[in-house]
Amino acid sequence: MSRAVLLDIEGTIGDIAFVREVLFPFARARIGDALKARWDDAEVAATVRDARAASGNALSDPREAARQFLAWMDEDKKVTPLKTLQGIVWRDGYASGELKAHLYADAVDAMRAWAKRGVKIFIYSSGSIEAQKLYFAHSVAGDLRPIIGDYFDTTTGPKGDAASYTKIAARIAFEPRSITFFSDAPTETDAARVAGLSVYRVDRAKPAAFEGRDGETAVIGSLAKTVDRVS
């Protein structure tokens, strides 16, 4: 039986629409003001320096820098300076109470049940580790950070690469076969299975009680029926 779970966020335990329809528009609307107000702050200044290096542009004032960051957003670029600045803006939004991260109720119930039984919970998302921590600190279910053991992002490796899951297993000191991974993405569950993890693909378009298979992969509509299978 598994003694650890590894959870994807968007589309798995939280609605992907929250990222697309809330977080990204929130950042877009506030990036210009954040750069103008905090241009001389060490954190923002360092982010702008990284953006200059990544873009090759001078970015000599807040307006020019904002154009670059917004262009990256338009192009859906996964560049580190953009992720960092988005994280700064989101942090302010969470702190003010304007943002509350979405989590499905069945996911919250499962996480709390696992934690109570001593199952270790870990997160692996394409969002930065800082963004993940903000997400769980300011969720609709309250601060869930106390029940999360650690966080992983793509600095560990691509989520579609089996080696990434091998690295995570070594980092958390669990045998791969002792870890159950939940994700909505077939490429991710396939990679995790190759690495030796147990996997479930979560399909939120299915009814909550749905259980089926896609080849070798178990497919579920929610985490509810898996709670007692991980102990």
Protein backbone atom coordinates (compact mmCIF):
# COMPACT_ATOMS: atom_id res chain seq x y z
CA MET A 1 0.00 0.00 0.00
CA SER A 2 1.15 3.52 -0.72
CA ARG A 3 2.47 5.63 2.12
CA ALA A 4 2.81 8.84 0.13
CA VAL A 5 0.75 10.74 -2.42
CA LEU A 6 2.06 13.13 -5.04
CA LEU A 7 -0.54 15.59 -6.33
CA ASP A 8 -0.77 17.75 -9.41
CA ILE A 9 -2.79 20.92 -8.83
CA GLU A 10 -4.49 22.42 -11.91
CA GLY A 11 -7.21 20.15 -13.26
CA THR A 12 -6.57 17.55 -10.57
CA ILE A 13 -7.23 18.95 -7.10
CA GLY A 14 -8.02 22.51 -8.19
CA ASP A 15 -10.03 23.89 -11.10
CA ILE A 16 -7.72 24.86 -13.96
CA ALA A 17 -10.13 27.72 -14.70
CA PHE A 18 -8.96 29.42 -11.49
CA VAL A 19 -5.49 29.83 -13.00
CA ARG A 20 -6.70 30.88 -16.45
CA GLU A 21 -9.67 33.00 -15.47
CA VAL A 22 -8.60 34.43 -12.11
CA LEU A 23 -4.85 34.30 -11.46
CA PHE A 24 -3.57 35.26 -14.92
CA PRO A 25 -6.02 38.15 -15.42
CA PHE A 26 -5.29 39.35 -11.88
CA ALA A 27 -1.55 39.48 -12.65
CA ARG A 28 -2.06 41.08 -16.06
CA ALA A 29 -4.15 43.89 -14.60
CA ARG A 30 -1.59 44.70 -11.89
CA ILE A 31 1.87 44.08 -13.38
CA GLY A 32 2.25 47.67 -14.59
CA ASP A 33 1.26 49.20 -11.27
CA ALA A 34 3.45 46.75 -9.34
CA LEU A 35 6.50 47.65 -11.42
CA LYS A 36 5.84 51.37 -11.06
CA ALA A 37 5.23 51.24 -7.31
CA ARG A 38 8.10 48.88 -6.47
CA TRP A 39 10.66 49.65 -9.17
CA ASP A 40 13.41 50.25 -6.61
CA ASP A 41 12.55 47.30 -4.34
CA ALA A 42 15.36 44.75 -4.29
CA GLU A 43 13.05 41.84 -5.19
CA VAL A 44 11.49 43.59 -8.18
CA ALA A 45 14.82 45.08 -9.31
CA ALA A 46 16.37 41.61 -9.36
CA THR A 47 13.42 40.29 -11.38
CA VAL A 48 13.78 43.10 -13.91
CA ARG A 49 17.52 42.36 -14.23
CA ASP A 50 16.65 38.75 -15.01
CA ALA A 51 14.08 39.95 -17.54
CA ARG A 52 16.71 42.11 -19.26
CA ALA A 53 18.99 39.09 -19.56
CA ALA A 54 16.18 36.87 -20.85
CA SER A 55 14.82 39.36 -23.38
CA GLY A 56 17.94 41.20 -24.49
CA ASN A 57 16.06 44.47 -24.07
CA ALA A 58 17.05 47.46 -21.93
CA LEU A 59 13.80 47.65 -19.94
CA SER A 60 14.95 51.02 -18.63
CA ASP A 61 11.68 52.08 -17.00
CA PRO A 62 8.54 50.48 -15.55
CA ARG A 63 6.48 51.08 -18.67
CA GLU A 64 8.98 49.36 -20.97
CA ALA A 65 9.38 46.50 -18.51
CA ALA A 66 5.61 46.05 -18.26
CA ARG A 67 5.35 45.78 -22.04
CA GLN A 68 7.91 42.97 -21.98
CA PHE A 69 6.21 41.04 -19.19
CA LEU A 70 2.80 41.39 -20.83
CA ALA A 71 4.23 40.29 -24.18
CA TRP A 72 5.53 37.15 -22.50
CA MET A 73 2.08 36.54 -21.07
CA ASP A 74 0.52 36.98 -24.53
CA GLU A 75 3.00 34.43 -25.91
CA ASP A 76 2.41 32.06 -22.96
CA LYS A 77 6.15 32.03 -22.26
CA LYS A 78 7.35 30.03 -19.25
CA VAL A 79 10.27 32.33 -18.46
CA THR A 80 11.47 32.59 -14.87
CA PRO A 81 11.29 36.41 -14.52
CA LEU A 82 7.63 36.37 -15.56
CA LYS A 83 6.81 33.58 -13.11
CA THR A 84 8.61 35.51 -10.37
CA LEU A 85 6.77 38.77 -11.02
CA GLN A 86 3.43 37.00 -11.26
CA GLY A 87 4.23 35.39 -7.92
CA ILE A 88 4.92 38.79 -6.35
CA VAL A 89 1.59 40.16 -7.61
CA TRP A 90 -0.32 37.06 -6.49
CA ARG A 91 1.31 37.19 -3.07
CA ASP A 92 -0.06 40.69 -2.60
CA GLY A 93 -3.48 39.56 -3.80
CA TYR A 94 -3.60 36.61 -1.43
CA ALA A 95 -2.41 38.76 1.48
CA SER A 96 -5.15 41.32 0.83
CA GLY A 97 -7.82 38.63 0.64
CA GLU A 98 -8.65 39.43 -2.99
CA LEU A 99 -7.54 35.94 -4.01
CA LYS A 100 -8.64 32.58 -2.61
CA ALA A 101 -7.25 29.50 -4.34
CA HIS A 102 -9.76 26.95 -5.59
CA LEU A 103 -9.66 23.35 -4.37
CA TYR A 104 -12.24 20.64 -5.04
CA ALA A 105 -14.01 19.52 -1.86
CA ASP A 106 -13.22 15.86 -2.50
CA ALA A 107 -9.51 16.71 -2.77
CA VAL A 108 -9.55 18.61 0.53
CA ASP A 109 -11.36 15.74 2.25
CA ALA A 110 -8.89 13.21 0.84
CA MET A 111 -5.84 15.24 1.86
CA ARG A 112 -7.11 15.67 5.40
CA ALA A 113 -7.98 11.97 5.70
CA TRP A 114 -4.55 10.92 4.43
CA ALA A 115 -2.77 13.32 6.76
CA LYS A 116 -4.74 11.99 9.72
CA ARG A 117 -3.61 8.45 8.86
CA GLY A 118 0.03 9.46 8.50
CA VAL A 119 0.19 9.36 4.70
CA LYS A 120 2.70 11.93 3.48
CA ILE A 121 1.44 14.48 0.96
CA PHE A 122 3.59 16.13 -1.70
CA ILE A 123 2.82 18.54 -4.55
CA TYR A 124 4.26 18.53 -8.10
CA SER A 125 3.06 21.38 -10.31
CA SER A 126 4.32 23.41 -13.25
CA GLY A 127 3.78 26.55 -11.18
CA SER A 128 6.70 27.76 -9.09
CA ILE A 129 7.18 26.42 -5.58
CA GLU A 130 6.47 29.89 -4.17
CA ALA A 131 3.20 30.03 -6.13
CA GLN A 132 2.26 26.57 -4.84
CA LYS A 133 2.84 27.61 -1.24
CA LEU A 134 0.72 30.72 -1.72
CA TYR A 135 -2.01 28.60 -3.28
CA PHE A 136 -2.26 26.28 -0.29
CA ALA A 137 -1.76 29.02 2.30
CA HIS A 138 -4.75 30.97 0.96
CA SER A 139 -7.12 28.29 -0.32
CA VAL A 140 -10.90 28.20 -0.03
CA ALA A 141 -10.33 25.48 2.60
CA GLY A 142 -7.92 27.60 4.64
CA ASP A 143 -4.20 27.11 5.15
CA LEU A 144 -3.30 23.53 4.18
CA ARG A 145 0.47 23.93 4.33
CA PRO A 146 0.77 22.08 7.67
CA ILE A 147 -0.30 18.81 6.01
CA ILE A 148 1.98 19.14 2.96
CA GLY A 149 5.45 17.66 3.24
CA ASP A 150 7.17 19.33 0.29
CA TYR A 151 6.66 20.96 -3.09
CA PHE A 152 8.20 20.29 -6.50
CA ASP A 153 8.10 22.26 -9.74
CA THR A 154 9.70 21.92 -13.16
CA THR A 155 13.14 22.77 -11.77
CA THR A 156 13.12 19.08 -10.78
CA GLY A 157 12.45 18.18 -14.41
CA PRO A 158 9.63 18.04 -16.98
CA LYS A 159 6.42 16.49 -15.72
CA GLY A 160 6.29 14.23 -18.76
CA ASP A 161 9.73 12.74 -18.02
CA ALA A 162 9.95 9.55 -15.93
CA ALA A 163 13.29 10.69 -14.51
CA SER A 164 11.53 13.57 -12.74
CA TYR A 165 9.46 11.14 -10.68
CA THR A 166 12.54 9.07 -9.88
CA LYS A 167 14.21 12.22 -8.56
CA ILE A 168 11.19 13.12 -6.44
CA ALA A 169 11.03 9.60 -4.96
CA ALA A 170 14.69 9.85 -3.99
CA ARG A 171 14.19 13.34 -2.53
CA ILE A 172 11.29 12.30 -0.31
CA ALA A 173 12.95 8.98 0.58
CA PHE A 174 10.13 6.71 -0.60
CA GLU A 175 10.36 3.77 -2.96
CA PRO A 176 8.50 4.65 -6.18
CA ARG A 177 6.05 1.78 -5.62
CA SER A 178 5.09 3.38 -2.28
CA ILE A 179 3.92 6.60 -3.95
CA THR A 180 0.56 7.23 -5.62
CA PHE A 181 0.48 10.05 -8.16
CA PHE A 182 -2.70 11.89 -9.20
CA SER A 183 -2.86 14.04 -12.33
CA ASP A 184 -5.29 15.01 -15.08
CA ALA A 185 -2.59 14.72 -17.77
CA PRO A 186 -2.02 11.35 -19.50
CA THR A 187 1.59 12.23 -20.35
CA GLU A 188 2.28 12.79 -16.65
CA THR A 189 0.60 9.63 -15.38
CA ASP A 190 2.36 7.63 -18.11
CA ALA A 191 5.75 9.02 -17.06
CA ALA A 192 5.09 8.38 -13.38
CA ARG A 193 4.00 4.80 -14.09
CA VAL A 194 7.22 4.19 -16.06
CA ALA A 195 9.11 5.41 -12.99
CA GLY A 196 7.33 2.79 -10.88
CA LEU A 197 4.69 4.93 -9.13
CA SER A 198 1.05 3.94 -8.76
CA VAL A 199 -1.08 6.38 -10.73
CA TYR A 200 -4.60 7.70 -11.11
CA ARG A 201 -5.70 10.03 -13.89
CA VAL A 202 -8.37 12.43 -12.64
CA ASP A 203 -10.95 13.40 -15.26
CA ARG A 204 -13.10 16.19 -13.82
CA ALA A 205 -15.41 16.03 -16.84
CA LYS A 206 -16.62 12.64 -15.57
CA PRO A 207 -19.18 12.15 -12.78
CA ALA A 208 -17.64 12.18 -9.31
CA ALA A 209 -18.36 8.44 -8.85
CA PHE A 210 -16.79 7.45 -12.18
CA GLU A 211 -14.13 4.75 -12.24
CA GLY A 212 -12.69 3.34 -15.45
CA ARG A 213 -9.49 2.66 -17.29
CA ASP A 214 -7.53 4.10 -20.17
CA GLY A 215 -5.17 1.31 -21.14
CA GLU A 216 -3.02 0.63 -18.10
CA THR A 217 -4.13 3.75 -16.26
CA ALA A 218 -6.99 3.94 -13.78
CA VAL A 219 -9.25 6.93 -14.45
CA ILE A 220 -11.43 8.51 -11.75
CA GLY A 221 -13.90 11.37 -11.56
CA SER A 222 -12.83 12.48 -8.09
CA LEU A 223 -10.46 11.45 -5.31
CA ALA A 224 -13.25 10.26 -3.03
CA LYS A 225 -13.09 6.52 -3.77
CA THR A 226 -9.30 6.40 -3.58
CA VAL A 227 -9.00 7.64 -0.01
CA ASP A 228 -9.04 4.18 1.56
CA ARG A 229 -6.75 2.74 -1.11
CA VAL A 230 -3.88 4.90 0.07
CA SER A 231 -2.89 4.13 3.64
